[in-house]
């Protein structure tokens, strides 16, 4: 999630808890975004999970100009934004959007992220969606 406008920029799912490929897939999406926008200053913040702390994972970040940031050990409050978005997704998917399980979970998550980024206004963004907020700032900067 981009903490500037709360836009979800990358995600990955796995049926297995702790699946290393989930982390790598999420990072690959972020790297592709960085390649399309080399001017973006990216800081990847994570907890201290074994994948995030691995040498291989962290050697990739500087190659693409991505700065690493890790929360302090045993301090989930350092990662409050991501903990909050995970909670919102669960609450809104199951309570507000009434997920039925008729569609694959991956599709439901993809649909939710599209909704979150492009249709769900945010109070903190003056009731714009994350996409609208980003586009309005780009338009103002171009003037």
N, C-alpha and C. Protein backbone atom coordinates (compact mmCIF):
# COMPACT_ATOMS: atom_id res chain seq x y z
N UNK A 1 0.85 -1.17 0.00
CA UNK A 1 0.00 0.00 0.00
C UNK A 1 0.89 1.24 0.00
N UNK A 2 0.55 2.17 -0.86
CA UNK A 2 1.27 3.44 -0.90
C UNK A 2 0.72 4.29 0.24
N UNK A 3 1.56 4.63 1.19
CA UNK A 3 1.09 5.38 2.36
C UNK A 3 0.75 6.83 2.03
N UNK A 4 1.16 7.30 0.86
CA UNK A 4 0.84 8.68 0.47
C UNK A 4 -0.65 8.82 0.16
N UNK A 5 -1.22 7.87 -0.60
CA UNK A 5 -2.63 7.98 -0.98
C UNK A 5 -3.44 6.72 -0.64
N UNK A 6 -2.85 5.80 0.08
CA UNK A 6 -3.49 4.54 0.50
C UNK A 6 -3.85 3.62 -0.65
N UNK A 7 -3.27 3.82 -1.80
CA UNK A 7 -3.55 2.97 -2.95
C UNK A 7 -2.83 1.63 -2.79
N UNK A 8 -3.55 0.55 -3.03
CA UNK A 8 -2.93 -0.77 -2.98
C UNK A 8 -2.21 -0.98 -4.30
N UNK A 9 -0.89 -1.11 -4.24
CA UNK A 9 -0.08 -1.15 -5.46
C UNK A 9 0.41 -2.56 -5.80
N UNK A 10 0.34 -3.47 -4.86
CA UNK A 10 0.80 -4.83 -5.11
C UNK A 10 0.17 -5.76 -4.09
N UNK A 11 -0.12 -6.96 -4.53
CA UNK A 11 -0.61 -7.97 -3.59
C UNK A 11 -0.37 -9.36 -4.18
N UNK A 12 -0.36 -10.33 -3.30
CA UNK A 12 -0.21 -11.73 -3.72
C UNK A 12 -0.88 -12.61 -2.68
N UNK A 13 -1.41 -13.72 -3.13
CA UNK A 13 -2.10 -14.66 -2.24
C UNK A 13 -1.51 -16.05 -2.39
N UNK A 14 -1.65 -16.84 -1.33
CA UNK A 14 -1.25 -18.23 -1.38
C UNK A 14 -2.17 -19.03 -0.48
N UNK A 15 -2.35 -20.27 -0.83
CA UNK A 15 -3.15 -21.17 0.01
C UNK A 15 -2.35 -21.67 1.20
N UNK A 16 -1.04 -21.50 1.14
CA UNK A 16 -0.18 -21.97 2.23
C UNK A 16 0.37 -20.77 3.01
N UNK A 17 0.28 -20.83 4.33
CA UNK A 17 0.82 -19.78 5.18
C UNK A 17 2.35 -19.76 5.06
N UNK A 18 2.89 -18.57 4.88
CA UNK A 18 4.34 -18.43 4.81
C UNK A 18 4.96 -18.85 3.50
N UNK A 19 4.17 -19.04 2.46
CA UNK A 19 4.69 -19.43 1.16
C UNK A 19 5.61 -18.34 0.63
N UNK A 20 6.88 -18.67 0.45
CA UNK A 20 7.88 -17.69 0.02
C UNK A 20 7.52 -17.06 -1.33
N UNK A 21 6.88 -17.81 -2.21
CA UNK A 21 6.56 -17.29 -3.53
C UNK A 21 5.54 -16.16 -3.46
N UNK A 22 4.72 -16.14 -2.42
CA UNK A 22 3.77 -15.04 -2.25
C UNK A 22 4.53 -13.72 -2.09
N UNK A 23 5.57 -13.75 -1.28
CA UNK A 23 6.37 -12.55 -1.05
C UNK A 23 7.10 -12.12 -2.32
N UNK A 24 7.64 -13.10 -3.02
CA UNK A 24 8.37 -12.81 -4.26
C UNK A 24 7.41 -12.24 -5.31
N UNK A 25 6.22 -12.82 -5.45
CA UNK A 25 5.24 -12.32 -6.43
C UNK A 25 4.85 -10.88 -6.13
N UNK A 26 4.62 -10.57 -4.86
CA UNK A 26 4.29 -9.20 -4.47
C UNK A 26 5.42 -8.24 -4.79
N UNK A 27 6.65 -8.67 -4.56
CA UNK A 27 7.81 -7.84 -4.86
C UNK A 27 7.97 -7.65 -6.37
N UNK A 28 7.72 -8.69 -7.14
CA UNK A 28 7.83 -8.56 -8.60
C UNK A 28 6.88 -7.50 -9.13
N UNK A 29 5.66 -7.45 -8.60
CA UNK A 29 4.70 -6.42 -9.02
C UNK A 29 5.21 -5.04 -8.67
N UNK A 30 5.81 -4.91 -7.51
CA UNK A 30 6.36 -3.62 -7.08
C UNK A 30 7.53 -3.20 -7.97
N UNK A 31 8.37 -4.17 -8.32
CA UNK A 31 9.51 -3.88 -9.19
C UNK A 31 9.02 -3.43 -10.57
N UNK A 32 7.97 -4.06 -11.08
CA UNK A 32 7.41 -3.65 -12.37
C UNK A 32 6.88 -2.21 -12.30
N UNK A 33 6.25 -1.85 -11.19
CA UNK A 33 5.78 -0.48 -11.00
C UNK A 33 6.96 0.48 -10.99
N UNK A 34 8.03 0.12 -10.32
CA UNK A 34 9.22 0.96 -10.25
C UNK A 34 9.86 1.11 -11.63
N UNK A 35 9.85 0.05 -12.43
CA UNK A 35 10.41 0.13 -13.78
C UNK A 35 9.60 1.10 -14.65
N UNK A 36 8.26 1.09 -14.48
CA UNK A 36 7.41 1.99 -15.26
C UNK A 36 7.54 3.44 -14.78
N UNK A 37 7.89 3.61 -13.51
CA UNK A 37 8.00 4.95 -12.92
C UNK A 37 9.30 5.06 -12.12
N UNK A 38 10.43 5.14 -12.81
CA UNK A 38 11.71 5.20 -12.09
C UNK A 38 11.84 6.45 -11.23
N UNK A 39 11.02 7.46 -11.48
CA UNK A 39 11.08 8.69 -10.69
C UNK A 39 10.45 8.50 -9.29
N UNK A 40 9.66 7.46 -9.11
CA UNK A 40 9.03 7.23 -7.80
C UNK A 40 10.10 6.88 -6.77
N UNK A 41 9.99 7.47 -5.62
CA UNK A 41 10.85 7.11 -4.48
C UNK A 41 10.10 6.05 -3.68
N UNK A 42 10.63 4.85 -3.64
CA UNK A 42 9.93 3.74 -2.98
C UNK A 42 10.66 3.29 -1.74
N UNK A 43 9.89 3.14 -0.69
CA UNK A 43 10.38 2.55 0.55
C UNK A 43 9.48 1.37 0.84
N UNK A 44 10.04 0.19 0.89
CA UNK A 44 9.27 -1.01 1.18
C UNK A 44 9.38 -1.31 2.67
N UNK A 45 8.27 -1.13 3.37
CA UNK A 45 8.26 -1.39 4.81
C UNK A 45 7.62 -2.74 5.06
N UNK A 46 8.23 -3.51 5.94
CA UNK A 46 7.71 -4.84 6.25
C UNK A 46 7.98 -5.18 7.71
N UNK A 47 7.42 -6.30 8.12
CA UNK A 47 7.76 -6.82 9.44
C UNK A 47 9.10 -7.56 9.30
N UNK A 48 9.50 -8.29 10.32
CA UNK A 48 10.79 -8.97 10.30
C UNK A 48 10.65 -10.46 9.96
N UNK A 49 9.68 -10.78 9.13
CA UNK A 49 9.52 -12.17 8.71
C UNK A 49 10.77 -12.68 8.02
N UNK A 50 10.95 -14.00 8.02
CA UNK A 50 12.18 -14.59 7.50
C UNK A 50 12.41 -14.25 6.02
N UNK A 51 11.34 -14.17 5.24
CA UNK A 51 11.51 -13.84 3.82
C UNK A 51 11.99 -12.40 3.68
N UNK A 52 11.34 -11.48 4.39
CA UNK A 52 11.72 -10.06 4.30
C UNK A 52 13.14 -9.82 4.79
N UNK A 53 13.61 -10.65 5.72
CA UNK A 53 14.95 -10.48 6.28
C UNK A 53 16.00 -11.25 5.48
N UNK A 54 15.57 -12.05 4.51
CA UNK A 54 16.51 -12.89 3.77
C UNK A 54 17.46 -12.05 2.92
N UNK A 55 18.64 -12.58 2.73
CA UNK A 55 19.66 -11.91 1.94
C UNK A 55 19.20 -11.76 0.49
N UNK A 56 18.62 -12.82 -0.07
CA UNK A 56 18.20 -12.78 -1.48
C UNK A 56 17.14 -11.70 -1.71
N UNK A 57 16.18 -11.63 -0.82
CA UNK A 57 15.10 -10.63 -0.95
C UNK A 57 15.68 -9.23 -0.87
N UNK A 58 16.55 -9.01 0.08
CA UNK A 58 17.08 -7.67 0.31
C UNK A 58 18.15 -7.26 -0.69
N UNK A 59 18.75 -8.20 -1.38
CA UNK A 59 19.69 -7.84 -2.45
C UNK A 59 18.95 -7.31 -3.68
N UNK A 60 17.69 -7.72 -3.86
CA UNK A 60 16.91 -7.24 -5.00
C UNK A 60 16.52 -5.77 -4.86
N UNK A 61 16.22 -5.34 -3.66
CA UNK A 61 15.69 -3.98 -3.45
C UNK A 61 16.61 -2.88 -3.96
N UNK A 62 17.89 -2.85 -3.56
CA UNK A 62 18.74 -1.75 -4.06
C UNK A 62 18.97 -1.80 -5.57
N UNK A 63 18.86 -2.99 -6.17
CA UNK A 63 19.05 -3.10 -7.62
C UNK A 63 18.00 -2.29 -8.37
N UNK A 64 16.86 -2.06 -7.74
CA UNK A 64 15.76 -1.32 -8.38
C UNK A 64 15.49 0.02 -7.70
N UNK A 65 16.40 0.45 -6.84
CA UNK A 65 16.24 1.74 -6.18
C UNK A 65 15.13 1.76 -5.15
N UNK A 66 14.87 0.61 -4.53
CA UNK A 66 13.84 0.52 -3.49
C UNK A 66 14.54 0.44 -2.14
N UNK A 67 14.16 1.33 -1.24
CA UNK A 67 14.75 1.38 0.09
C UNK A 67 14.03 0.41 1.02
N UNK A 68 14.77 -0.28 1.83
CA UNK A 68 14.20 -1.24 2.78
C UNK A 68 13.94 -0.58 4.12
N UNK A 69 12.81 -0.90 4.71
CA UNK A 69 12.45 -0.44 6.04
C UNK A 69 11.79 -1.62 6.76
N UNK A 70 12.22 -1.88 7.98
CA UNK A 70 11.64 -2.99 8.73
C UNK A 70 11.19 -2.52 10.11
N UNK A 71 10.07 -3.09 10.55
CA UNK A 71 9.58 -2.75 11.88
C UNK A 71 10.49 -3.36 12.93
N UNK A 72 10.40 -2.84 14.12
CA UNK A 72 11.19 -3.38 15.23
C UNK A 72 10.62 -4.74 15.63
N UNK A 73 11.47 -5.60 16.12
CA UNK A 73 11.04 -6.94 16.52
C UNK A 73 9.95 -6.87 17.58
N UNK A 74 8.91 -7.65 17.37
CA UNK A 74 7.81 -7.73 18.33
C UNK A 74 6.97 -6.48 18.44
N UNK A 75 6.98 -5.65 17.41
CA UNK A 75 6.25 -4.38 17.44
C UNK A 75 5.32 -4.27 16.24
N UNK A 76 4.17 -4.94 16.27
CA UNK A 76 3.26 -4.86 15.12
C UNK A 76 2.71 -3.46 14.89
N UNK A 77 2.78 -2.59 15.88
CA UNK A 77 2.29 -1.22 15.69
C UNK A 77 3.14 -0.46 14.69
N UNK A 78 4.38 -0.90 14.46
CA UNK A 78 5.23 -0.27 13.44
C UNK A 78 4.66 -0.50 12.04
N UNK A 79 3.81 -1.49 11.91
CA UNK A 79 3.25 -1.83 10.61
C UNK A 79 1.74 -1.62 10.63
N UNK A 80 1.31 -0.60 11.34
CA UNK A 80 -0.12 -0.36 11.59
C UNK A 80 -0.93 -0.16 10.32
N UNK A 81 -0.37 0.52 9.32
CA UNK A 81 -1.12 0.77 8.09
C UNK A 81 -1.49 -0.53 7.40
N UNK A 82 -0.54 -1.45 7.30
CA UNK A 82 -0.83 -2.73 6.63
C UNK A 82 -1.74 -3.60 7.48
N UNK A 83 -1.56 -3.57 8.79
CA UNK A 83 -2.47 -4.33 9.66
C UNK A 83 -3.89 -3.79 9.50
N UNK A 84 -4.02 -2.49 9.39
CA UNK A 84 -5.35 -1.88 9.22
C UNK A 84 -5.98 -2.26 7.89
N UNK A 85 -5.21 -2.20 6.81
CA UNK A 85 -5.79 -2.52 5.50
C UNK A 85 -6.20 -3.98 5.44
N UNK A 86 -5.42 -4.85 6.05
CA UNK A 86 -5.82 -6.26 6.09
C UNK A 86 -7.14 -6.42 6.84
N UNK A 87 -7.32 -5.69 7.91
CA UNK A 87 -8.57 -5.72 8.66
C UNK A 87 -9.74 -5.18 7.86
N UNK A 88 -9.51 -4.06 7.15
CA UNK A 88 -10.57 -3.48 6.33
C UNK A 88 -11.01 -4.46 5.25
N UNK A 89 -10.03 -5.07 4.59
CA UNK A 89 -10.36 -6.01 3.52
C UNK A 89 -11.23 -7.14 4.06
N UNK A 90 -10.82 -7.71 5.17
CA UNK A 90 -11.60 -8.81 5.75
C UNK A 90 -13.00 -8.35 6.14
N UNK A 91 -13.08 -7.24 6.83
CA UNK A 91 -14.39 -6.76 7.29
C UNK A 91 -15.30 -6.40 6.12
N UNK A 92 -14.78 -5.67 5.16
CA UNK A 92 -15.62 -5.23 4.05
C UNK A 92 -15.97 -6.38 3.11
N UNK A 93 -15.05 -7.29 2.88
CA UNK A 93 -15.37 -8.42 2.02
C UNK A 93 -16.44 -9.30 2.63
N UNK A 94 -16.32 -9.58 3.91
CA UNK A 94 -17.22 -10.55 4.52
C UNK A 94 -18.48 -9.93 5.10
N UNK A 95 -18.40 -8.71 5.58
CA UNK A 95 -19.58 -8.10 6.19
C UNK A 95 -20.33 -7.19 5.21
N UNK A 96 -19.62 -6.29 4.58
CA UNK A 96 -20.27 -5.31 3.71
C UNK A 96 -20.56 -5.84 2.31
N UNK A 97 -19.62 -6.57 1.73
CA UNK A 97 -19.78 -7.04 0.36
C UNK A 97 -20.33 -8.46 0.28
N UNK A 98 -20.50 -9.08 1.42
CA UNK A 98 -21.14 -10.40 1.52
C UNK A 98 -20.55 -11.44 0.56
N UNK A 99 -19.27 -11.71 0.74
CA UNK A 99 -18.60 -12.71 -0.07
C UNK A 99 -19.29 -14.06 0.16
N UNK A 100 -19.59 -14.74 -0.92
CA UNK A 100 -20.33 -16.00 -0.82
C UNK A 100 -19.46 -17.22 -1.05
N UNK A 101 -18.30 -17.05 -1.61
CA UNK A 101 -17.45 -18.19 -1.91
C UNK A 101 -17.78 -18.82 -3.25
N UNK A 102 -18.69 -18.22 -4.00
CA UNK A 102 -19.04 -18.76 -5.32
C UNK A 102 -17.96 -18.48 -6.37
N UNK A 103 -17.20 -17.43 -6.17
CA UNK A 103 -16.10 -17.09 -7.07
C UNK A 103 -14.78 -17.42 -6.38
N UNK A 104 -13.71 -17.65 -7.14
CA UNK A 104 -12.41 -17.89 -6.51
C UNK A 104 -11.99 -16.70 -5.63
N UNK A 105 -11.36 -16.99 -4.52
CA UNK A 105 -10.93 -15.94 -3.59
C UNK A 105 -10.02 -14.93 -4.29
N UNK A 106 -9.14 -15.41 -5.16
CA UNK A 106 -8.22 -14.51 -5.86
C UNK A 106 -8.98 -13.45 -6.63
N UNK A 107 -10.04 -13.85 -7.31
CA UNK A 107 -10.85 -12.89 -8.08
C UNK A 107 -11.56 -11.91 -7.16
N UNK A 108 -12.08 -12.40 -6.04
CA UNK A 108 -12.77 -11.54 -5.10
C UNK A 108 -11.82 -10.50 -4.51
N UNK A 109 -10.59 -10.90 -4.22
CA UNK A 109 -9.59 -9.96 -3.71
C UNK A 109 -9.23 -8.94 -4.80
N UNK A 110 -9.01 -9.41 -6.02
CA UNK A 110 -8.71 -8.49 -7.13
C UNK A 110 -9.84 -7.47 -7.31
N UNK A 111 -11.08 -7.95 -7.28
CA UNK A 111 -12.24 -7.06 -7.42
C UNK A 111 -12.30 -6.06 -6.28
N UNK A 112 -12.00 -6.51 -5.06
CA UNK A 112 -12.03 -5.61 -3.91
C UNK A 112 -10.96 -4.53 -4.04
N UNK A 113 -9.77 -4.93 -4.46
CA UNK A 113 -8.69 -3.94 -4.60
C UNK A 113 -9.04 -2.91 -5.67
N UNK A 114 -9.65 -3.33 -6.75
CA UNK A 114 -10.12 -2.39 -7.77
C UNK A 114 -11.16 -1.44 -7.15
N UNK A 115 -12.10 -1.98 -6.40
CA UNK A 115 -13.10 -1.18 -5.70
C UNK A 115 -12.42 -0.20 -4.73
N UNK A 116 -11.49 -0.71 -3.93
CA UNK A 116 -10.81 0.11 -2.93
C UNK A 116 -10.05 1.27 -3.58
N UNK A 117 -9.33 0.98 -4.65
CA UNK A 117 -8.51 2.00 -5.31
C UNK A 117 -9.32 2.99 -6.15
N UNK A 118 -10.42 2.52 -6.77
CA UNK A 118 -11.09 3.34 -7.77
C UNK A 118 -12.52 3.75 -7.45
N UNK A 119 -13.14 3.16 -6.43
CA UNK A 119 -14.53 3.50 -6.16
C UNK A 119 -14.81 3.90 -4.71
N UNK A 120 -13.98 3.52 -3.79
CA UNK A 120 -14.22 3.74 -2.36
C UNK A 120 -13.60 5.06 -1.93
N UNK A 121 -14.41 6.10 -1.72
CA UNK A 121 -13.84 7.38 -1.29
C UNK A 121 -13.25 7.27 0.12
N UNK A 122 -12.21 8.04 0.35
CA UNK A 122 -11.54 8.02 1.66
C UNK A 122 -11.63 9.40 2.30
N UNK A 123 -12.02 9.42 3.55
CA UNK A 123 -12.11 10.67 4.31
C UNK A 123 -10.76 11.39 4.32
N UNK A 124 -9.69 10.63 4.53
CA UNK A 124 -8.35 11.23 4.62
C UNK A 124 -7.88 11.83 3.30
N UNK A 125 -8.56 11.50 2.20
CA UNK A 125 -8.21 12.04 0.88
C UNK A 125 -9.28 13.01 0.38
N UNK A 126 -9.96 13.68 1.30
CA UNK A 126 -11.03 14.62 0.97
C UNK A 126 -12.13 13.96 0.14
N UNK A 127 -12.45 12.74 0.52
CA UNK A 127 -13.51 11.96 -0.12
C UNK A 127 -13.24 11.63 -1.58
N UNK A 128 -11.98 11.59 -1.94
CA UNK A 128 -11.59 11.07 -3.25
C UNK A 128 -11.15 9.63 -3.07
N UNK A 129 -11.16 8.87 -4.14
CA UNK A 129 -10.58 7.52 -4.09
C UNK A 129 -9.07 7.67 -4.18
N UNK A 130 -8.30 6.65 -3.82
CA UNK A 130 -6.85 6.75 -3.97
C UNK A 130 -6.42 7.09 -5.40
N UNK A 131 -7.09 6.49 -6.39
CA UNK A 131 -6.75 6.78 -7.79
C UNK A 131 -7.08 8.23 -8.15
N UNK A 132 -8.25 8.70 -7.75
CA UNK A 132 -8.63 10.09 -8.03
C UNK A 132 -7.65 11.06 -7.37
N UNK A 133 -7.24 10.77 -6.15
CA UNK A 133 -6.32 11.64 -5.44
C UNK A 133 -4.98 11.72 -6.17
N UNK A 134 -4.44 10.55 -6.57
CA UNK A 134 -3.18 10.52 -7.30
C UNK A 134 -3.29 11.30 -8.60
N UNK A 135 -4.37 11.05 -9.35
CA UNK A 135 -4.55 11.73 -10.64
C UNK A 135 -4.73 13.23 -10.48
N UNK A 136 -5.42 13.68 -9.44
CA UNK A 136 -5.60 15.12 -9.22
C UNK A 136 -4.27 15.78 -8.87
N UNK A 137 -3.45 15.10 -8.12
CA UNK A 137 -2.13 15.66 -7.78
C UNK A 137 -1.21 15.72 -8.99
N UNK A 138 -1.27 14.70 -9.83
CA UNK A 138 -0.48 14.70 -11.06
C UNK A 138 -0.93 15.84 -11.97
N UNK A 139 -2.23 16.03 -12.08
CA UNK A 139 -2.77 17.11 -12.93
C UNK A 139 -2.33 18.48 -12.40
N UNK A 140 -2.37 18.67 -11.08
CA UNK A 140 -1.95 19.96 -10.49
C UNK A 140 -0.45 20.18 -10.69
N UNK A 141 0.33 19.12 -10.62
CA UNK A 141 1.78 19.24 -10.79
C UNK A 141 2.15 19.57 -12.24
N UNK A 142 1.30 19.15 -13.17
CA UNK A 142 1.56 19.40 -14.59
C UNK A 142 1.27 20.83 -14.99
N UNK A 143 0.50 21.54 -14.17
CA UNK A 143 0.12 22.91 -14.51
C UNK A 143 1.25 23.87 -14.28
